[in-house]
Amino acid sequence: MDMLRMAQEAGLAVLLEGRIGQQEYSSVSGSKDALLRFAQAIRVAMVQELALRARLRLRNLSSQSRWRSKHKRAGNGPARKSEEWLRCSQRQRLDCDDQPKSA
């Protein structure tokens, strides 16, 4: 968000008064109406930025839940395999693929 550009677009006068190294010093002046337009532009920019962050966070969460549910439905996740192995050992079945057969 370029504050000086937003101030100029709102009708404020932005003057570059000095520069020391990389640091720039400016003054801004204008009418009360221009200041109110600038404040409104800042609010709009913040709302847009927050909405974008929320959409990205939601998209990230939904893709993670799709990945989890895909593995849960397919039954090929590591948790599913360990659950099957535990069930087999609890039933004392020796014909499971993951459990070694004893003689």
N, C-alpha and C. Protein backbone atom coordinates (compact mmCIF):
# COMPACT_ATOMS: atom_id res chain seq x y z
N MET A 1 0.86 -1.16 0.00
CA MET A 1 0.00 0.00 0.00
C MET A 1 0.91 1.23 0.00
N ASP A 2 0.82 2.02 -1.05
CA ASP A 2 1.64 3.23 -1.19
C ASP A 2 0.86 4.41 -0.63
N MET A 3 1.19 4.80 0.58
CA MET A 3 0.45 5.85 1.29
C MET A 3 0.54 7.20 0.58
N LEU A 4 1.72 7.55 0.10
CA LEU A 4 1.87 8.86 -0.56
C LEU A 4 1.04 8.93 -1.84
N ARG A 5 1.03 7.84 -2.60
CA ARG A 5 0.23 7.81 -3.82
C ARG A 5 -1.25 7.93 -3.47
N MET A 6 -1.68 7.22 -2.43
CA MET A 6 -3.08 7.29 -2.00
C MET A 6 -3.43 8.70 -1.54
N ALA A 7 -2.51 9.36 -0.86
CA ALA A 7 -2.76 10.74 -0.40
C ALA A 7 -2.92 11.68 -1.60
N GLN A 8 -2.07 11.51 -2.60
CA GLN A 8 -2.18 12.36 -3.79
C GLN A 8 -3.49 12.11 -4.53
N GLU A 9 -3.88 10.83 -4.65
CA GLU A 9 -5.14 10.50 -5.32
C GLU A 9 -6.35 11.04 -4.56
N ALA A 10 -6.23 11.17 -3.25
CA ALA A 10 -7.32 11.72 -2.44
C ALA A 10 -7.40 13.24 -2.54
N GLY A 11 -6.38 13.87 -3.11
CA GLY A 11 -6.40 15.31 -3.28
C GLY A 11 -5.49 16.05 -2.33
N LEU A 12 -4.67 15.35 -1.58
CA LEU A 12 -3.72 16.00 -0.69
C LEU A 12 -2.46 16.37 -1.47
N ALA A 13 -1.82 17.45 -1.07
CA ALA A 13 -0.56 17.86 -1.69
C ALA A 13 0.58 17.21 -0.91
N VAL A 14 1.42 16.45 -1.62
CA VAL A 14 2.55 15.76 -0.99
C VAL A 14 3.82 16.41 -1.52
N LEU A 15 4.62 16.95 -0.63
CA LEU A 15 5.86 17.63 -1.02
C LEU A 15 7.05 16.88 -0.44
N LEU A 16 8.03 16.62 -1.29
CA LEU A 16 9.28 16.03 -0.82
C LEU A 16 10.15 17.16 -0.30
N GLU A 17 10.38 17.15 0.99
CA GLU A 17 11.14 18.23 1.60
C GLU A 17 12.61 17.91 1.77
N GLY A 18 12.94 16.65 1.86
CA GLY A 18 14.34 16.33 2.05
C GLY A 18 14.62 14.85 1.97
N ARG A 19 15.90 14.56 1.78
CA ARG A 19 16.34 13.17 1.71
C ARG A 19 17.70 13.08 2.38
N ILE A 20 17.82 12.14 3.30
CA ILE A 20 19.10 11.87 3.95
C ILE A 20 19.37 10.39 3.77
N GLY A 21 20.33 10.06 2.93
CA GLY A 21 20.61 8.66 2.61
C GLY A 21 19.42 8.04 1.91
N GLN A 22 18.92 6.95 2.46
CA GLN A 22 17.75 6.27 1.89
C GLN A 22 16.43 6.85 2.42
N GLN A 23 16.49 7.64 3.46
CA GLN A 23 15.29 8.15 4.13
C GLN A 23 14.77 9.40 3.45
N GLU A 24 13.47 9.42 3.11
CA GLU A 24 12.83 10.60 2.52
C GLU A 24 11.91 11.23 3.55
N TYR A 25 11.89 12.55 3.54
CA TYR A 25 11.02 13.31 4.44
C TYR A 25 10.05 14.12 3.60
N SER A 26 8.74 13.93 3.85
CA SER A 26 7.71 14.61 3.07
C SER A 26 6.73 15.31 4.00
N SER A 27 6.07 16.30 3.44
CA SER A 27 4.97 16.92 4.17
C SER A 27 3.71 16.79 3.32
N VAL A 28 2.60 16.65 4.00
CA VAL A 28 1.31 16.47 3.33
C VAL A 28 0.38 17.55 3.84
N SER A 29 -0.31 18.18 2.91
CA SER A 29 -1.29 19.20 3.31
C SER A 29 -2.47 19.14 2.37
N GLY A 30 -3.60 19.63 2.86
CA GLY A 30 -4.79 19.65 2.03
C GLY A 30 -6.01 19.98 2.85
N SER A 31 -7.15 19.89 2.18
CA SER A 31 -8.42 20.24 2.83
C SER A 31 -8.91 19.09 3.71
N LYS A 32 -9.90 19.42 4.52
CA LYS A 32 -10.51 18.40 5.38
C LYS A 32 -11.19 17.32 4.54
N ASP A 33 -11.83 17.73 3.45
CA ASP A 33 -12.47 16.76 2.56
C ASP A 33 -11.45 15.79 1.96
N ALA A 34 -10.28 16.33 1.58
CA ALA A 34 -9.23 15.46 1.03
C ALA A 34 -8.73 14.49 2.10
N LEU A 35 -8.63 14.97 3.33
CA LEU A 35 -8.20 14.10 4.42
C LEU A 35 -9.22 12.99 4.66
N LEU A 36 -10.52 13.32 4.59
CA LEU A 36 -11.56 12.30 4.75
C LEU A 36 -11.53 11.29 3.60
N ARG A 37 -11.28 11.76 2.36
CA ARG A 37 -11.15 10.83 1.23
C ARG A 37 -9.96 9.90 1.43
N PHE A 38 -8.86 10.46 1.94
CA PHE A 38 -7.67 9.66 2.20
C PHE A 38 -7.96 8.60 3.27
N ALA A 39 -8.65 8.99 4.34
CA ALA A 39 -9.00 8.03 5.40
C ALA A 39 -9.90 6.92 4.85
N GLN A 40 -10.84 7.29 3.99
CA GLN A 40 -11.73 6.29 3.39
C GLN A 40 -10.94 5.35 2.48
N ALA A 41 -10.00 5.88 1.73
CA ALA A 41 -9.17 5.04 0.86
C ALA A 41 -8.34 4.05 1.68
N ILE A 42 -7.84 4.49 2.83
CA ILE A 42 -7.09 3.60 3.71
C ILE A 42 -7.99 2.49 4.24
N ARG A 43 -9.21 2.85 4.66
CA ARG A 43 -10.15 1.83 5.15
C ARG A 43 -10.47 0.80 4.08
N VAL A 44 -10.74 1.27 2.87
CA VAL A 44 -11.07 0.36 1.77
C VAL A 44 -9.89 -0.58 1.48
N ALA A 45 -8.69 -0.03 1.45
CA ALA A 45 -7.50 -0.85 1.18
C ALA A 45 -7.31 -1.90 2.27
N MET A 46 -7.54 -1.54 3.52
CA MET A 46 -7.39 -2.50 4.62
C MET A 46 -8.43 -3.61 4.54
N VAL A 47 -9.67 -3.25 4.22
CA VAL A 47 -10.73 -4.26 4.10
C VAL A 47 -10.40 -5.21 2.95
N GLN A 48 -9.93 -4.68 1.83
CA GLN A 48 -9.57 -5.53 0.70
C GLN A 48 -8.43 -6.47 1.06
N GLU A 49 -7.44 -5.96 1.77
CA GLU A 49 -6.30 -6.79 2.18
C GLU A 49 -6.74 -7.89 3.15
N LEU A 50 -7.59 -7.55 4.10
CA LEU A 50 -8.08 -8.55 5.06
C LEU A 50 -8.95 -9.60 4.36
N ALA A 51 -9.76 -9.18 3.40
CA ALA A 51 -10.59 -10.13 2.66
C ALA A 51 -9.72 -11.08 1.85
N LEU A 52 -8.66 -10.56 1.24
CA LEU A 52 -7.75 -11.41 0.48
C LEU A 52 -7.07 -12.43 1.40
N ARG A 53 -6.61 -11.98 2.56
CA ARG A 53 -5.98 -12.90 3.52
C ARG A 53 -6.96 -13.99 3.96
N ALA A 54 -8.21 -13.60 4.21
CA ALA A 54 -9.21 -14.57 4.64
C ALA A 54 -9.48 -15.59 3.54
N ARG A 55 -9.59 -15.13 2.28
CA ARG A 55 -9.81 -16.06 1.17
C ARG A 55 -8.65 -17.03 1.03
N LEU A 56 -7.42 -16.52 1.13
CA LEU A 56 -6.25 -17.40 1.02
C LEU A 56 -6.21 -18.40 2.16
N ARG A 57 -6.52 -17.96 3.36
CA ARG A 57 -6.52 -18.87 4.52
C ARG A 57 -7.60 -19.93 4.35
N LEU A 58 -8.78 -19.53 3.88
CA LEU A 58 -9.87 -20.46 3.67
C LEU A 58 -9.52 -21.47 2.59
N ARG A 59 -8.91 -20.99 1.50
CA ARG A 59 -8.51 -21.89 0.42
C ARG A 59 -7.49 -22.89 0.93
N ASN A 60 -6.55 -22.44 1.75
CA ASN A 60 -5.53 -23.32 2.30
C ASN A 60 -6.16 -24.37 3.22
N LEU A 61 -7.09 -23.94 4.07
CA LEU A 61 -7.75 -24.88 4.98
C LEU A 61 -8.59 -25.89 4.22
N SER A 62 -9.31 -25.45 3.18
CA SER A 62 -10.16 -26.38 2.44
C SER A 62 -9.32 -27.39 1.67
N SER A 63 -8.16 -26.99 1.15
CA SER A 63 -7.32 -27.95 0.44
C SER A 63 -6.73 -28.96 1.41
N GLN A 64 -6.41 -28.54 2.64
CA GLN A 64 -5.90 -29.49 3.64
C GLN A 64 -6.98 -30.47 4.04
N SER A 65 -8.21 -30.01 4.22
CA SER A 65 -9.28 -30.92 4.62
C SER A 65 -9.63 -31.87 3.48
N ARG A 66 -9.54 -31.41 2.22
CA ARG A 66 -9.77 -32.32 1.10
C ARG A 66 -8.74 -33.42 1.09
N TRP A 67 -7.47 -33.07 1.37
CA TRP A 67 -6.41 -34.06 1.38
C TRP A 67 -6.68 -35.08 2.48
N ARG A 68 -7.06 -34.60 3.67
CA ARG A 68 -7.33 -35.51 4.78
C ARG A 68 -8.51 -36.42 4.47
N SER A 69 -9.60 -35.85 3.95
CA SER A 69 -10.78 -36.65 3.69
C SER A 69 -10.53 -37.64 2.56
N LYS A 70 -9.70 -37.29 1.58
CA LYS A 70 -9.37 -38.19 0.48
C LYS A 70 -8.70 -39.44 1.03
N HIS A 71 -7.73 -39.25 1.93
CA HIS A 71 -7.04 -40.40 2.50
C HIS A 71 -7.95 -41.18 3.45
N LYS A 72 -8.83 -40.49 4.12
CA LYS A 72 -9.73 -41.18 5.04
C LYS A 72 -10.71 -42.04 4.26
N ARG A 73 -11.27 -41.51 3.16
CA ARG A 73 -12.21 -42.28 2.35
C ARG A 73 -11.54 -43.46 1.69
N ALA A 74 -10.34 -43.22 1.17
CA ALA A 74 -9.64 -44.28 0.45
C ALA A 74 -9.17 -45.37 1.39
N GLY A 75 -8.95 -45.04 2.64
CA GLY A 75 -8.50 -46.02 3.60
C GLY A 75 -7.05 -46.41 3.42
N ASN A 76 -6.26 -45.53 2.82
CA ASN A 76 -4.86 -45.88 2.59
C ASN A 76 -3.90 -45.00 3.37
N GLY A 77 -4.40 -44.27 4.35
CA GLY A 77 -3.52 -43.45 5.17
C GLY A 77 -2.82 -44.29 6.23
N PRO A 78 -1.74 -43.78 6.79
CA PRO A 78 -1.00 -44.53 7.79
C PRO A 78 -1.82 -44.86 9.03
N ALA A 79 -2.71 -43.97 9.42
CA ALA A 79 -3.54 -44.23 10.60
C ALA A 79 -4.47 -45.41 10.33
N ARG A 80 -5.01 -45.47 9.14
CA ARG A 80 -5.92 -46.56 8.78
C ARG A 80 -5.20 -47.91 8.81
N LYS A 81 -3.98 -47.96 8.30
CA LYS A 81 -3.22 -49.21 8.29
C LYS A 81 -2.89 -49.66 9.70
N SER A 82 -2.51 -48.74 10.57
CA SER A 82 -2.19 -49.13 11.94
C SER A 82 -3.45 -49.58 12.68
N GLU A 83 -4.60 -48.97 12.38
CA GLU A 83 -5.85 -49.41 12.99
C GLU A 83 -6.18 -50.84 12.58
N GLU A 84 -5.98 -51.16 11.30
CA GLU A 84 -6.24 -52.52 10.83
C GLU A 84 -5.30 -53.51 11.50
N TRP A 85 -4.04 -53.14 11.64
CA TRP A 85 -3.07 -54.04 12.26
C TRP A 85 -3.45 -54.30 13.72
N LEU A 86 -3.88 -53.24 14.43
CA LEU A 86 -4.29 -53.41 15.83
C LEU A 86 -5.52 -54.31 15.93
N ARG A 87 -6.47 -54.13 15.04
CA ARG A 87 -7.66 -54.99 15.05
C ARG A 87 -7.27 -56.44 14.84
N CYS A 88 -6.35 -56.67 13.91
CA CYS A 88 -5.91 -58.04 13.63
C CYS A 88 -5.22 -58.65 14.84
N SER A 89 -4.35 -57.86 15.49
CA SER A 89 -3.63 -58.41 16.64
C SER A 89 -4.56 -58.62 17.83
N GLN A 90 -5.58 -57.79 17.94
CA GLN A 90 -6.52 -57.97 19.04
C GLN A 90 -7.35 -59.23 18.84
N ARG A 91 -7.67 -59.54 17.62
CA ARG A 91 -8.44 -60.75 17.34
C ARG A 91 -7.55 -61.99 17.28
N GLN A 92 -6.25 -61.74 17.36
CA GLN A 92 -5.26 -62.81 17.32
C GLN A 92 -5.36 -63.59 16.01
N ARG A 93 -5.57 -62.82 14.93
CA ARG A 93 -5.59 -63.43 13.61
C ARG A 93 -4.19 -63.38 13.05
N LEU A 94 -3.72 -64.45 12.52
CA LEU A 94 -2.37 -64.50 11.98
C LEU A 94 -2.36 -64.44 10.46
N ASP A 95 -3.51 -64.22 9.87
CA ASP A 95 -3.55 -64.20 8.41
C ASP A 95 -3.57 -62.79 7.84
N CYS A 96 -3.22 -61.80 8.61
CA CYS A 96 -3.14 -60.43 8.12
C CYS A 96 -1.87 -60.25 7.31
N ASP A 97 -1.91 -59.38 6.33
CA ASP A 97 -0.75 -59.14 5.48
C ASP A 97 0.39 -58.48 6.23
N ASP A 98 0.08 -57.56 7.13
CA ASP A 98 1.12 -56.79 7.80
C ASP A 98 1.75 -57.53 8.97
N GLN A 99 1.13 -58.60 9.44
CA GLN A 99 1.62 -59.29 10.63
C GLN A 99 2.37 -60.55 10.21
N PRO A 100 3.58 -60.80 10.75
CA PRO A 100 4.32 -62.01 10.38
C PRO A 100 3.62 -63.25 10.91
N LYS A 101 3.67 -64.31 10.11
CA LYS A 101 3.04 -65.57 10.51
C LYS A 101 4.01 -66.37 11.34
N SER A 102 3.52 -66.94 12.43
CA SER A 102 4.39 -67.75 13.28
C SER A 102 4.19 -69.23 12.95
N ALA A 103 5.20 -70.02 13.22
CA ALA A 103 5.16 -71.44 12.87
C ALA A 103 4.48 -72.27 13.91
